[in-house]
Amino acid sequence: DTSSRMRPAFFLPTVLLFIVPPALAQAPSRQETVRPIHQKSFDREGTARERRQGGDPREANGLLVFDGSTDGNRQVDPQIAVGGGYVLHATNSGLVIYDKQGRFVDGVSQSAFNGGIDPKLFFDPHARVFGFDLWNPWDEAKLKPVNISVSSTSDPRGAWNTYPVPAPEGVDGGGIGYSREWIGYSFPGGADRTFVMRMKQAKAGEPAQVFHFAGSLGHPVLTQDPVDDLHFVELTDRVIRVKKVTTDDDGEPRAVDVGATEHGWPSFRDEEVASHPGLLAPMNGIRCSQSTSGCFRTARRCGLDCQDRESTRLNSSHAN
């Protein structure tokens, strides 16, 4: 009842990591207060244009199946999150709610949530809320906000709060995650490529403090375990590196290293990129944009030649 699926998504399995020596905690580079756009219902009290797609529940080979959105077959970016007895489905054309019997409930375009593309969905089993992001590169103010939307309850038909976090240097390809305390988002483009905000404030619809971090902490994890710290995973050609956002004694967020290990996966070697360009596209979109946006747009060029070599260097003396 509380599962979710994203692309790309990171769940943190039990793994053995080479722990690096304690490092200085990284403080946010800046913070800002973002006021939410509040709406009393998913369909803006009936004022949003209905987007009726999918449904038609039926049995196939002993299983209940039903249709989702029918947006075509190119850059659809389909997403799904399940919780509270509902299925929330999103594509680049909008969002649709089904009940768990597969019946259509409601649907709206993305303009109902301040617009944008590239949705990623989650259902948080701790706060019992749905959440998703939309990146809007076409806003009139040229702030290119990442719209973080969180439902007030586990019923997606009800009230929502949308936080437009400015990302004027951002580009397509971000990822969202959560823990019991934090919502995190990392994206390509600009100097500060990760931000976090408190789940409690977003659920309540309060003005939220958004904390930005220099560089990228990695892809935020969908944290189903009841922990407050939010982990981030960075995948490079050589290593898997894990960081986390925790709180200091004053309750302020700090990013700290958890550990890293060499993965030894041959698919990440330079010579294999040209023959398998799709292998590196999702993660290289985040990593390579640190040094060149052109490389982000051309997965075939994404290899050691366009990444920050220092950021992927693993000091072998740290390994046990």
C-alpha atoms as a PDB file:
ATOM      1  CA  ASP A   1       0.000   0.000   0.000  1.00  0.00           C
ATOM      2  CA  THR A   2       2.982   2.301   0.383  1.00  0.00           C
ATOM      3  CA  SER A   3       5.200   1.387  -2.540  1.00  0.00           C
ATOM      4  CA  SER A   4       6.584   3.835  -5.081  1.00  0.00           C
ATOM      5  CA  ARG A   5       8.485   3.648  -8.353  1.00  0.00           C
ATOM      6  CA  MET A   6      10.644   6.279 -10.004  1.00  0.00           C
ATOM      7  CA  ARG A   7      13.113   6.634 -12.845  1.00  0.00           C
ATOM      8  CA  PRO A   8      15.871   6.874 -11.840  1.00  0.00           C
ATOM      9  CA  ALA A   9      15.349   5.884  -8.202  1.00  0.00           C
ATOM     10  CA  PHE A  10      17.747   4.933  -5.472  1.00  0.00           C
ATOM     11  CA  PHE A  11      16.887   2.713  -2.544  1.00  0.00           C
ATOM     12  CA  LEU A  12      19.810   2.117  -0.209  1.00  0.00           C
ATOM     13  CA  PRO A  13      20.404  -1.626   0.224  1.00  0.00           C
ATOM     14  CA  THR A  14      22.564  -3.183   2.887  1.00  0.00           C
ATOM     15  CA  VAL A  15      26.087  -2.970   1.462  1.00  0.00           C
ATOM     16  CA  LEU A  16      29.613  -2.936   2.809  1.00  0.00           C
ATOM     17  CA  LEU A  17      31.382   0.358   2.201  1.00  0.00           C
ATOM     18  CA  PHE A  18      34.980   1.386   2.664  1.00  0.00           C
ATOM     19  CA  ILE A  19      34.574   4.032   5.314  1.00  0.00           C
ATOM     20  CA  VAL A  20      36.634   7.134   4.837  1.00  0.00           C
ATOM     21  CA  PRO A  21      38.100   9.051   7.780  1.00  0.00           C
ATOM     22  CA  PRO A  22      35.821  11.654   9.353  1.00  0.00           C
ATOM     23  CA  ALA A  23      35.691  14.841   7.317  1.00  0.00           C
ATOM     24  CA  LEU A  24      34.527  18.306   8.076  1.00  0.00           C
ATOM     25  CA  ALA A  25      30.775  18.629   7.694  1.00  0.00           C
ATOM     26  CA  GLN A  26      29.691  20.660   4.686  1.00  0.00           C
ATOM     27  CA  ALA A  27      27.421  23.548   5.586  1.00  0.00           C
ATOM     28  CA  PRO A  28      24.840  24.873   3.128  1.00  0.00           C
ATOM     29  CA  SER A  29      26.223  27.464   0.769  1.00  0.00           C
ATOM     30  CA  ARG A  30      23.064  29.518   1.149  1.00  0.00           C
ATOM     31  CA  GLN A  31      19.468  29.311   2.271  1.00  0.00           C
ATOM     32  CA  GLU A  32      16.221  30.977   1.318  1.00  0.00           C
ATOM     33  CA  THR A  33      12.593  30.991   2.398  1.00  0.00           C
ATOM     34  CA  VAL A  34      10.144  29.728  -0.215  1.00  0.00           C
ATOM     35  CA  ARG A  35       6.439  30.351   0.248  1.00  0.00           C
ATOM     36  CA  PRO A  36       4.079  27.671  -1.014  1.00  0.00           C
ATOM     37  CA  ILE A  37       1.358  27.871  -3.613  1.00  0.00           C
ATOM     38  CA  HIS A  38      -1.564  26.314  -1.744  1.00  0.00           C
ATOM     39  CA  GLN A  39      -4.490  24.626  -3.436  1.00  0.00           C
ATOM     40  CA  LYS A  40      -7.436  23.135  -1.598  1.00  0.00           C
ATOM     41  CA  SER A  41      -7.795  20.151  -3.907  1.00  0.00           C
ATOM     42  CA  PHE A  42      -5.949  18.243  -6.612  1.00  0.00           C
ATOM     43  CA  ASP A  43      -8.203  19.733  -9.306  1.00  0.00           C
ATOM     44  CA  ARG A  44      -8.198  23.243  -7.809  1.00  0.00           C
ATOM     45  CA  GLU A  45     -11.779  22.880  -6.610  1.00  0.00           C
ATOM     46  CA  GLY A  46     -12.973  21.855 -10.046  1.00  0.00           C
ATOM     47  CA  THR A  47     -11.373  24.769 -11.916  1.00  0.00           C
ATOM     48  CA  ALA A  48      -8.539  22.739 -13.470  1.00  0.00           C
ATOM     49  CA  ARG A  49      -9.291  21.171 -16.820  1.00  0.00           C
ATOM     50  CA  GLU A  50      -9.921  17.456 -16.404  1.00  0.00           C
ATOM     51  CA  ARG A  51      -7.441  15.087 -18.015  1.00  0.00           C
ATOM     52  CA  ARG A  52      -9.276  11.795 -18.350  1.00  0.00           C
ATOM     53  CA  GLN A  53      -6.982   8.952 -19.358  1.00  0.00           C
ATOM     54  CA  GLY A  54      -6.593   5.287 -18.475  1.00  0.00           C
ATOM     55  CA  GLY A  55      -8.554   3.127 -16.114  1.00  0.00           C
ATOM     56  CA  ASP A  56     -10.613   0.294 -17.599  1.00  0.00           C
ATOM     57  CA  PRO A  57      -9.719  -2.311 -14.942  1.00  0.00           C
ATOM     58  CA  ARG A  58      -9.835  -5.930 -16.069  1.00  0.00           C
ATOM     59  CA  GLU A  59      -8.331  -9.303 -15.345  1.00  0.00           C
ATOM     60  CA  ALA A  60      -5.465 -10.707 -17.400  1.00  0.00           C
ATOM     61  CA  ASN A  61      -3.891 -14.046 -16.543  1.00  0.00           C
ATOM     62  CA  GLY A  62      -5.350 -13.844 -13.070  1.00  0.00           C
ATOM     63  CA  LEU A  63      -4.037 -10.338 -12.391  1.00  0.00           C
ATOM     64  CA  LEU A  64      -5.836  -7.001 -12.126  1.00  0.00           C
ATOM     65  CA  VAL A  65      -4.578  -4.669 -14.839  1.00  0.00           C
ATOM     66  CA  PHE A  66      -5.657  -1.207 -15.961  1.00  0.00           C
ATOM     67  CA  ASP A  67      -4.492   1.408 -18.426  1.00  0.00           C
ATOM     68  CA  GLY A  68      -2.358   4.417 -17.620  1.00  0.00           C
ATOM     69  CA  SER A  69      -1.829   7.586 -19.619  1.00  0.00           C
ATOM     70  CA  THR A  70      -1.645   7.367 -23.396  1.00  0.00           C
ATOM     71  CA  ASP A  71       0.813  10.123 -24.268  1.00  0.00           C
ATOM     72  CA  GLY A  72       2.624   8.422 -27.116  1.00  0.00           C
ATOM     73  CA  ASN A  73       6.014   6.757 -27.068  1.00  0.00           C
ATOM     74  CA  ARG A  74       8.619   9.542 -26.933  1.00  0.00           C
ATOM     75  CA  GLN A  75       9.836  11.404 -23.823  1.00  0.00           C
ATOM     76  CA  VAL A  76       6.762  10.402 -21.860  1.00  0.00           C
ATOM     77  CA  ASP A  77       8.644  10.131 -18.534  1.00  0.00           C
ATOM     78  CA  PRO A  78       6.031   7.863 -16.908  1.00  0.00           C
ATOM     79  CA  GLN A  79       5.985   7.772 -13.115  1.00  0.00           C
ATOM     80  CA  ILE A  80       3.892   5.991 -10.505  1.00  0.00           C
ATOM     81  CA  ALA A  81       3.512   6.113  -6.714  1.00  0.00           C
ATOM     82  CA  VAL A  82       1.107   4.078  -4.599  1.00  0.00           C
ATOM     83  CA  GLY A  83      -0.209   4.799  -1.108  1.00  0.00           C
ATOM     84  CA  GLY A  84      -3.259   5.671   0.929  1.00  0.00           C
ATOM     85  CA  GLY A  85      -5.418   3.433  -1.261  1.00  0.00           C
ATOM     86  CA  TYR A  86      -4.626   5.397  -4.422  1.00  0.00           C
ATOM     87  CA  VAL A  87      -2.344   5.226  -7.436  1.00  0.00           C
ATOM     88  CA  LEU A  88      -0.816   8.525  -8.577  1.00  0.00           C
ATOM     89  CA  HIS A  89       0.440   8.443 -12.153  1.00  0.00           C
ATOM     90  CA  ALA A  90       2.337  11.181 -13.992  1.00  0.00           C
ATOM     91  CA  THR A  91       3.818  11.836 -17.402  1.00  0.00           C
ATOM     92  CA  ASN A  92       5.108  14.908 -19.189  1.00  0.00           C
ATOM     93  CA  SER A  93       1.506  15.788 -20.032  1.00  0.00           C
ATOM     94  CA  GLY A  94      -0.050  15.700 -16.581  1.00  0.00           C
ATOM     95  CA  LEU A  95      -1.115  13.719 -13.531  1.00  0.00           C
ATOM     96  CA  VAL A  96      -3.854  11.144 -13.015  1.00  0.00           C
ATOM     97  CA  ILE A  97      -5.285   9.490  -9.890  1.00  0.00           C
ATOM     98  CA  TYR A  98      -6.705   5.950  -9.905  1.00  0.00           C
ATOM     99  CA  ASP A  99      -8.076   3.951  -7.025  1.00  0.00           C
ATOM    100  CA  LYS A 100      -6.412   0.632  -6.235  1.00  0.00           C
ATOM    101  CA  GLN A 101      -9.089  -1.163  -8.194  1.00  0.00           C
ATOM    102  CA  GLY A 102      -7.820   0.617 -11.311  1.00  0.00           C
ATOM    103  CA  ARG A 103     -10.735   3.004 -11.741  1.00  0.00           C
ATOM    104  CA  PHE A 104     -10.101   6.551 -12.954  1.00  0.00           C
ATOM    105  CA  VAL A 105     -10.598   9.115 -10.170  1.00  0.00           C
ATOM    106  CA  ASP A 106      -9.281  12.454 -11.444  1.00  0.00           C
ATOM    107  CA  GLY A 107      -6.703  13.946 -13.764  1.00  0.00           C
ATOM    108  CA  VAL A 108      -5.174  17.363 -14.453  1.00  0.00           C
ATOM    109  CA  SER A 109      -2.469  18.856 -16.636  1.00  0.00           C
ATOM    110  CA  GLN A 110       0.785  19.970 -15.068  1.00  0.00           C
ATOM    111  CA  SER A 111      -0.340  23.588 -15.231  1.00  0.00           C
ATOM    112  CA  ALA A 112      -2.456  22.810 -12.148  1.00  0.00           C
ATOM    113  CA  PHE A 113       0.831  22.535 -10.211  1.00  0.00           C
ATOM    114  CA  ASN A 114       2.655  25.613 -11.518  1.00  0.00           C
ATOM    115  CA  GLY A 115       3.720  23.844 -14.717  1.00  0.00           C
ATOM    116  CA  GLY A 116       6.842  21.986 -15.712  1.00  0.00           C
ATOM    117  CA  ILE A 117       8.195  18.722 -17.082  1.00  0.00           C
ATOM    118  CA  ASP A 118      10.143  15.637 -16.032  1.00  0.00           C
ATOM    119  CA  PRO A 119       8.033  14.556 -13.036  1.00  0.00           C
ATOM    120  CA  LYS A 120       9.336  12.189 -10.344  1.00  0.00           C
ATOM    121  CA  LEU A 121       6.873  10.826  -7.818  1.00  0.00           C
ATOM    122  CA  PHE A 122       7.031   9.310  -4.358  1.00  0.00           C
ATOM    123  CA  PHE A 123       4.783   8.247  -1.508  1.00  0.00           C
ATOM    124  CA  ASP A 124       6.358   8.892   1.882  1.00  0.00           C
ATOM    125  CA  PRO A 125       5.232   6.176   4.347  1.00  0.00           C
ATOM    126  CA  HIS A 126       6.432   8.217   7.346  1.00  0.00           C
ATOM    127  CA  ALA A 127       4.573  11.476   6.748  1.00  0.00           C
ATOM    128  CA  ARG A 128       1.857   9.634   4.768  1.00  0.00           C
ATOM    129  CA  VAL A 129       1.979  12.072   1.858  1.00  0.00           C
ATOM    130  CA  PHE A 130       2.504  12.021  -1.896  1.00  0.00           C
ATOM    131  CA  GLY A 131       5.157  14.223  -3.445  1.00  0.00           C
ATOM    132  CA  PHE A 132       6.644  15.054  -6.816  1.00  0.00           C
ATOM    133  CA  ASP A 133       8.762  17.597  -8.645  1.00  0.00           C
ATOM    134  CA  LEU A 134       8.247  19.479 -11.900  1.00  0.00           C
ATOM    135  CA  TRP A 135      10.991  21.532 -13.517  1.00  0.00           C
ATOM    136  CA  ASN A 136       9.637  24.635 -15.261  1.00  0.00           C
ATOM    137  CA  PRO A 137      12.128  26.226 -17.684  1.00  0.00           C
ATOM    138  CA  TRP A 138       9.522  28.498 -19.288  1.00  0.00           C
ATOM    139  CA  ASP A 139       8.426  30.757 -16.419  1.00  0.00           C
ATOM    140  CA  GLU A 140       8.090  34.432 -17.239  1.00  0.00           C
ATOM    141  CA  ALA A 141      10.405  35.489 -14.403  1.00  0.00           C
ATOM    142  CA  LYS A 142      13.202  33.296 -15.853  1.00  0.00           C
ATOM    143  CA  LEU A 143      13.793  31.669 -12.463  1.00  0.00           C
ATOM    144  CA  LYS A 144      13.336  28.155 -13.910  1.00  0.00           C
ATOM    145  CA  PRO A 145      11.836  26.883 -10.658  1.00  0.00           C
ATOM    146  CA  VAL A 146      11.853  23.301  -9.484  1.00  0.00           C
ATOM    147  CA  ASN A 147       8.286  22.937  -8.238  1.00  0.00           C
ATOM    148  CA  ILE A 148       8.221  20.605  -5.227  1.00  0.00           C
ATOM    149  CA  SER A 149       4.606  19.566  -4.556  1.00  0.00           C
ATOM    150  CA  VAL A 150       3.509  17.705  -1.414  1.00  0.00           C
ATOM    151  CA  SER A 151       0.007  16.576  -0.490  1.00  0.00           C
ATOM    152  CA  SER A 152      -1.393  17.485   2.918  1.00  0.00           C
ATOM    153  CA  THR A 153      -2.611  13.935   3.578  1.00  0.00           C
ATOM    154  CA  SER A 154      -2.391  10.456   2.082  1.00  0.00           C
ATOM    155  CA  ASP A 155      -5.433  11.277  -0.071  1.00  0.00           C
ATOM    156  CA  PRO A 156      -4.109  12.844  -3.303  1.00  0.00           C
ATOM    157  CA  ARG A 157      -7.547  14.256  -4.122  1.00  0.00           C
ATOM    158  CA  GLY A 158      -7.207  16.744  -1.268  1.00  0.00           C
ATOM    159  CA  ALA A 159      -5.026  19.774  -0.563  1.00  0.00           C
ATOM    160  CA  TRP A 160      -1.527  20.260  -1.964  1.00  0.00           C
ATOM    161  CA  ASN A 161       1.340  22.695  -1.389  1.00  0.00           C
ATOM    162  CA  THR A 162       3.763  23.571  -4.200  1.00  0.00           C
ATOM    163  CA  TYR A 163       7.137  25.198  -3.465  1.00  0.00           C
ATOM    164  CA  PRO A 164       8.731  26.910  -6.496  1.00  0.00           C
ATOM    165  CA  VAL A 165      12.458  26.730  -5.701  1.00  0.00           C
ATOM    166  CA  PRO A 166      14.431  28.964  -8.105  1.00  0.00           C
ATOM    167  CA  ALA A 167      17.061  27.133 -10.181  1.00  0.00           C
ATOM    168  CA  PRO A 168      17.951  29.649 -12.928  1.00  0.00           C
ATOM    169  CA  GLU A 169      21.057  27.717 -14.026  1.00  0.00           C
ATOM    170  CA  GLY A 170      19.442  24.294 -13.817  1.00  0.00           C
ATOM    171  CA  VAL A 171      18.864  21.908 -16.703  1.00  0.00           C
ATOM    172  CA  ASP A 172      16.729  18.834 -17.206  1.00  0.00           C
ATOM    173  CA  GLY A 173      17.623  15.641 -15.343  1.00  0.00           C
ATOM    174  CA  GLY A 174      17.087  16.115 -11.606  1.00  0.00           C
ATOM    175  CA  GLY A 175      16.165  13.525  -8.993  1.00  0.00           C
ATOM    176  CA  ILE A 176      14.081  13.665  -5.812  1.00  0.00           C
ATOM    177  CA  GLY A 177      14.216  11.700  -2.551  1.00  0.00           C
ATOM    178  CA  TYR A 178      13.034  11.840   1.035  1.00  0.00           C
ATOM    179  CA  SER A 179      13.684  10.710   4.589  1.00  0.00           C
ATOM    180  CA  ARG A 180      11.584  11.060   7.691  1.00  0.00           C
ATOM    181  CA  GLU A 181      12.812  14.655   8.093  1.00  0.00           C
ATOM    182  CA  TRP A 182      13.977  15.871   4.693  1.00  0.00           C
ATOM    183  CA  ILE A 183      12.994  16.247   1.061  1.00  0.00           C
ATOM    184  CA  GLY A 184      16.056  16.409  -1.170  1.00  0.00           C
ATOM    185  CA  TYR A 185      16.582  17.301  -4.804  1.00  0.00           C
ATOM    186  CA  SER A 186      19.725  17.204  -6.969  1.00  0.00           C
ATOM    187  CA  PHE A 187      19.960  18.484 -10.527  1.00  0.00           C
ATOM    188  CA  PRO A 188      22.512  19.370 -13.227  1.00  0.00           C
ATOM    189  CA  GLY A 189      23.583  22.939 -13.866  1.00  0.00           C
ATOM    190  CA  GLY A 190      24.934  25.801 -11.795  1.00  0.00           C
ATOM    191  CA  ALA A 191      27.143  25.982  -8.726  1.00  0.00           C
ATOM    192  CA  ASP A 192      24.622  24.753  -6.125  1.00  0.00           C
ATOM    193  CA  ARG A 193      23.108  21.535  -7.434  1.00  0.00           C
ATOM    194  CA  THR A 194      21.487  20.019  -4.339  1.00  0.00           C
ATOM    195  CA  PHE A 195      18.896  21.443  -1.981  1.00  0.00           C
ATOM    196  CA  VAL A 196      16.925  20.097   0.959  1.00  0.00           C
ATOM    197  CA  MET A 197      13.819  21.249   2.792  1.00  0.00           C
ATOM    198  CA  ARG A 198      11.956  19.909   5.809  1.00  0.00           C
ATOM    199  CA  MET A 199       9.127  17.475   5.136  1.00  0.00           C
ATOM    200  CA  LYS A 200       7.162  18.759   8.142  1.00  0.00           C
ATOM    201  CA  GLN A 201       7.007  22.290   6.744  1.00  0.00           C
ATOM    202  CA  ALA A 202       6.007  21.080   3.278  1.00  0.00           C
ATOM    203  CA  LYS A 203       3.206  18.877   4.584  1.00  0.00           C
ATOM    204  CA  ALA A 204       1.849  21.696   6.749  1.00  0.00           C
ATOM    205  CA  GLY A 205       2.034  24.238   3.929  1.00  0.00           C
ATOM    206  CA  GLU A 206       4.292  26.553   5.921  1.00  0.00           C
ATOM    207  CA  PRO A 207       6.943  28.834   4.403  1.00  0.00           C
ATOM    208  CA  ALA A 208       9.876  26.461   4.020  1.00  0.00           C
ATOM    209  CA  GLN A 209      13.568  27.039   4.593  1.00  0.00           C
ATOM    210  CA  VAL A 210      15.407  25.685   1.562  1.00  0.00           C
ATOM    211  CA  PHE A 211      19.085  24.881   2.106  1.00  0.00           C
ATOM    212  CA  HIS A 212      21.365  24.786  -0.943  1.00  0.00           C
ATOM    213  CA  PHE A 213      24.676  22.916  -1.113  1.00  0.00           C
ATOM    214  CA  ALA A 214      27.629  23.668  -3.356  1.00  0.00           C
ATOM    215  CA  GLY A 215      28.219  21.071  -6.028  1.00  0.00           C
ATOM    216  CA  SER A 216      26.109  17.930  -6.041  1.00  0.00           C
ATOM    217  CA  LEU A 217      25.733  15.559  -3.102  1.00  0.00           C
ATOM    218  CA  GLY A 218      24.535  12.845  -5.491  1.00  0.00           C
ATOM    219  CA  HIS A 219      21.112  11.336  -6.109  1.00  0.00           C
ATOM    220  CA  PRO A 220      18.819  11.500  -3.039  1.00  0.00           C
ATOM    221  CA  VAL A 221      17.522   8.180  -1.732  1.00  0.00           C
ATOM    222  CA  LEU A 222      13.890   7.163  -1.232  1.00  0.00           C
ATOM    223  CA  THR A 223      14.259   6.335   2.459  1.00  0.00           C
ATOM    224  CA  GLN A 224      11.633   3.828   3.509  1.00  0.00           C
ATOM    225  CA  ASP A 225      13.352   3.046   6.821  1.00  0.00           C
ATOM    226  CA  PRO A 226      12.305   5.332   9.719  1.00  0.00           C
ATOM    227  CA  VAL A 227      15.464   7.467   9.825  1.00  0.00           C
ATOM    228  CA  ASP A 228      15.874  11.233   9.794  1.00  0.00           C
ATOM    229  CA  ASP A 229      19.111  11.491   7.811  1.00  0.00           C
ATOM    230  CA  LEU A 230      18.756  11.736   4.045  1.00  0.00           C
ATOM    231  CA  HIS A 231      21.349   9.763   2.092  1.00  0.00           C
ATOM    232  CA  PHE A 232      22.690  10.619  -1.352  1.00  0.00           C
ATOM    233  CA  VAL A 233      24.405   8.258  -3.810  1.00  0.00           C
ATOM    234  CA  GLU A 234      26.974   9.377  -6.378  1.00  0.00           C
ATOM    235  CA  LEU A 235      27.898   6.874  -9.079  1.00  0.00           C
ATOM    236  CA  THR A 236      31.049   7.588 -11.081  1.00  0.00           C
ATOM    237  CA  ASP A 237      33.101   5.529 -13.512  1.00  0.00           C
ATOM    238  CA  ARG A 238      35.129   4.132 -10.583  1.00  0.00           C
ATOM    239  CA  VAL A 239      33.286   4.436  -7.297  1.00  0.00           C
ATOM    240  CA  ILE A 240      29.990   4.445  -5.485  1.00  0.00           C
ATOM    241  CA  ARG A 241      30.086   7.264  -2.946  1.00  0.00           C
ATOM    242  CA  VAL A 242      27.486   7.831  -0.228  1.00  0.00           C
ATOM    243  CA  LYS A 243      26.872  11.081   1.627  1.00  0.00           C
ATOM    244  CA  LYS A 244      24.084  12.134   3.933  1.00  0.00           C
ATOM    245  CA  VAL A 245      22.399  15.271   5.180  1.00  0.00           C
ATOM    246  CA  THR A 246      22.077  15.193   8.942  1.00  0.00           C
ATOM    247  CA  THR A 247      21.520  17.867  11.590  1.00  0.00           C
ATOM    248  CA  ASP A 248      24.079  19.415  13.922  1.00  0.00           C
ATOM    249  CA  ASP A 249      23.549  20.213  17.588  1.00  0.00           C
ATOM    250  CA  ASP A 250      21.666  23.376  16.608  1.00  0.00           C
ATOM    251  CA  GLY A 251      19.296  21.486  14.326  1.00  0.00           C
ATOM    252  CA  GLU A 252      20.863  22.880  11.145  1.00  0.00           C
ATOM    253  CA  PRO A 253      21.525  20.626   8.115  1.00  0.00           C
ATOM    254  CA  ARG A 254      25.052  19.487   7.366  1.00  0.00           C
ATOM    255  CA  ALA A 255      26.344  17.164   4.638  1.00  0.00           C
ATOM    256  CA  VAL A 256      28.858  14.514   5.694  1.00  0.00           C
ATOM    257  CA  ASP A 257      30.645  11.656   3.950  1.00  0.00           C
ATOM    258  CA  VAL A 258      29.460   8.157   4.787  1.00  0.00           C
ATOM    259  CA  GLY A 259      31.868   6.139   2.656  1.00  0.00           C
ATOM    260  CA  ALA A 260      32.902   4.994  -0.781  1.00  0.00           C
ATOM    261  CA  THR A 261      34.014   1.859  -2.554  1.00  0.00           C
ATOM    262  CA  GLU A 262      35.296   0.997  -5.999  1.00  0.00           C
ATOM    263  CA  HIS A 263      32.567  -0.858  -7.884  1.00  0.00           C
ATOM    264  CA  GLY A 264      34.661  -2.525 -10.582  1.00  0.00           C
ATOM    265  CA  TRP A 265      31.881  -2.404 -13.155  1.00  0.00           C
ATOM    266  CA  PRO A 266      33.402  -2.625 -16.646  1.00  0.00           C
ATOM    267  CA  SER A 267      30.429  -0.887 -18.251  1.00  0.00           C
ATOM    268  CA  PHE A 268      31.725   2.406 -16.867  1.00  0.00           C
ATOM    269  CA  ARG A 269      35.082   2.266 -18.599  1.00  0.00           C
ATOM    270  CA  ASP A 270      35.908   4.930 -21.165  1.00  0.00           C
ATOM    271  CA  GLU A 271      36.310   2.532 -24.070  1.00  0.00           C
ATOM    272  CA  GLU A 272      32.787   1.168 -23.652  1.00  0.00           C
ATOM    273  CA  VAL A 273      30.992   4.514 -23.736  1.00  0.00           C
ATOM    274  CA  ALA A 274      30.993   4.868 -27.510  1.00  0.00           C
ATOM    275  CA  SER A 275      29.503   1.416 -28.062  1.00  0.00           C
ATOM    276  CA  HIS A 276      26.964   1.716 -25.225  1.00  0.00           C
ATOM    277  CA  PRO A 277      26.039   5.420 -24.974  1.00  0.00           C
ATOM    278  CA  GLY A 278      22.791   4.741 -23.151  1.00  0.00           C
ATOM    279  CA  LEU A 279      24.507   3.127 -20.195  1.00  0.00           C
ATOM    280  CA  LEU A 280      25.889   6.376 -18.840  1.00  0.00           C
ATOM    281  CA  ALA A 281      23.169   8.800 -19.824  1.00  0.00           C
ATOM    282  CA  PRO A 282      21.160   8.989 -16.540  1.00  0.00           C
ATOM    283  CA  MET A 283      24.052   9.448 -14.116  1.00  0.00           C
ATOM    284  CA  ASN A 284      26.384  11.287 -16.461  1.00  0.00           C
ATOM    285  CA  GLY A 285      23.672  13.882 -16.942  1.00  0.00           C
ATOM    286  CA  ILE A 286      24.283  14.884 -13.337  1.00  0.00           C
ATOM    287  CA  ARG A 287      28.005  14.247 -13.103  1.00  0.00           C
ATOM    288  CA  CYS A 288      29.235  15.648 -16.405  1.00  0.00           C
ATOM    289  CA  SER A 289      27.240  18.841 -16.129  1.00  0.00           C
ATOM    290  CA  GLN A 290      29.665  19.877 -13.377  1.00  0.00           C
ATOM    291  CA  SER A 291      32.153  20.745 -16.103  1.00  0.00           C
ATOM    292  CA  THR A 292      30.186  21.143 -19.343  1.00  0.00           C
ATOM    293  CA  SER A 293      26.537  21.368 -20.258  1.00  0.00           C
ATOM    294  CA  GLY A 294      27.325  20.191 -23.792  1.00  0.00           C
ATOM    295  CA  CYS A 295      28.395  16.846 -22.424  1.00  0.00           C
ATOM    296  CA  PHE A 296      25.128  16.583 -20.527  1.00  0.00           C
ATOM    297  CA  ARG A 297      23.227  16.839 -23.776  1.00  0.00           C
ATOM    298  CA  THR A 298      25.370  14.300 -25.592  1.00  0.00           C
ATOM    299  CA  ALA A 299      25.613  11.047 -23.652  1.00  0.00           C
ATOM    300  CA  ARG A 300      28.037   9.649 -26.236  1.00  0.00           C
ATOM    301  CA  ARG A 301      30.669  12.140 -25.064  1.00  0.00           C
ATOM    302  CA  CYS A 302      30.169  11.489 -21.376  1.00  0.00           C
ATOM    303  CA  GLY A 303      33.245   9.832 -19.998  1.00  0.00           C
ATOM    304  CA  LEU A 304      36.364  10.739 -18.101  1.00  0.00           C
ATOM    305  CA  ASP A 305      37.103  13.483 -20.596  1.00  0.00           C
ATOM    306  CA  CYS A 306      34.203  15.633 -19.351  1.00  0.00           C
ATOM    307  CA  GLN A 307      34.031  14.969 -15.645  1.00  0.00           C
ATOM    308  CA  ASP A 308      35.916  16.518 -12.807  1.00  0.00           C
ATOM    309  CA  ARG A 309      38.629  13.934 -12.229  1.00  0.00           C
ATOM    310  CA  GLU A 310      39.265  15.230  -8.736  1.00  0.00           C
ATOM    311  CA  SER A 311      35.656  14.586  -7.746  1.00  0.00           C
ATOM    312  CA  THR A 312      35.954  10.898  -8.625  1.00  0.00           C
ATOM    313  CA  ARG A 313      39.403  10.233  -7.165  1.00  0.00           C
ATOM    314  CA  LEU A 314      39.350   7.685  -4.366  1.00  0.00           C
ATOM    315  CA  ASN A 315      42.309   7.754  -2.039  1.00  0.00           C
ATOM    316  CA  SER A 316      43.323   4.121  -1.823  1.00  0.00           C
ATOM    317  CA  SER A 317      44.769   4.665   1.633  1.00  0.00           C
ATOM    318  CA  HIS A 318      41.207   5.130   2.904  1.00  0.00           C
ATOM    319  CA  ALA A 319      40.197   1.603   1.875  1.00  0.00           C
ATOM    320  CA  ASN A 320      40.324  -1.205   4.384  1.00  0.00           C
END
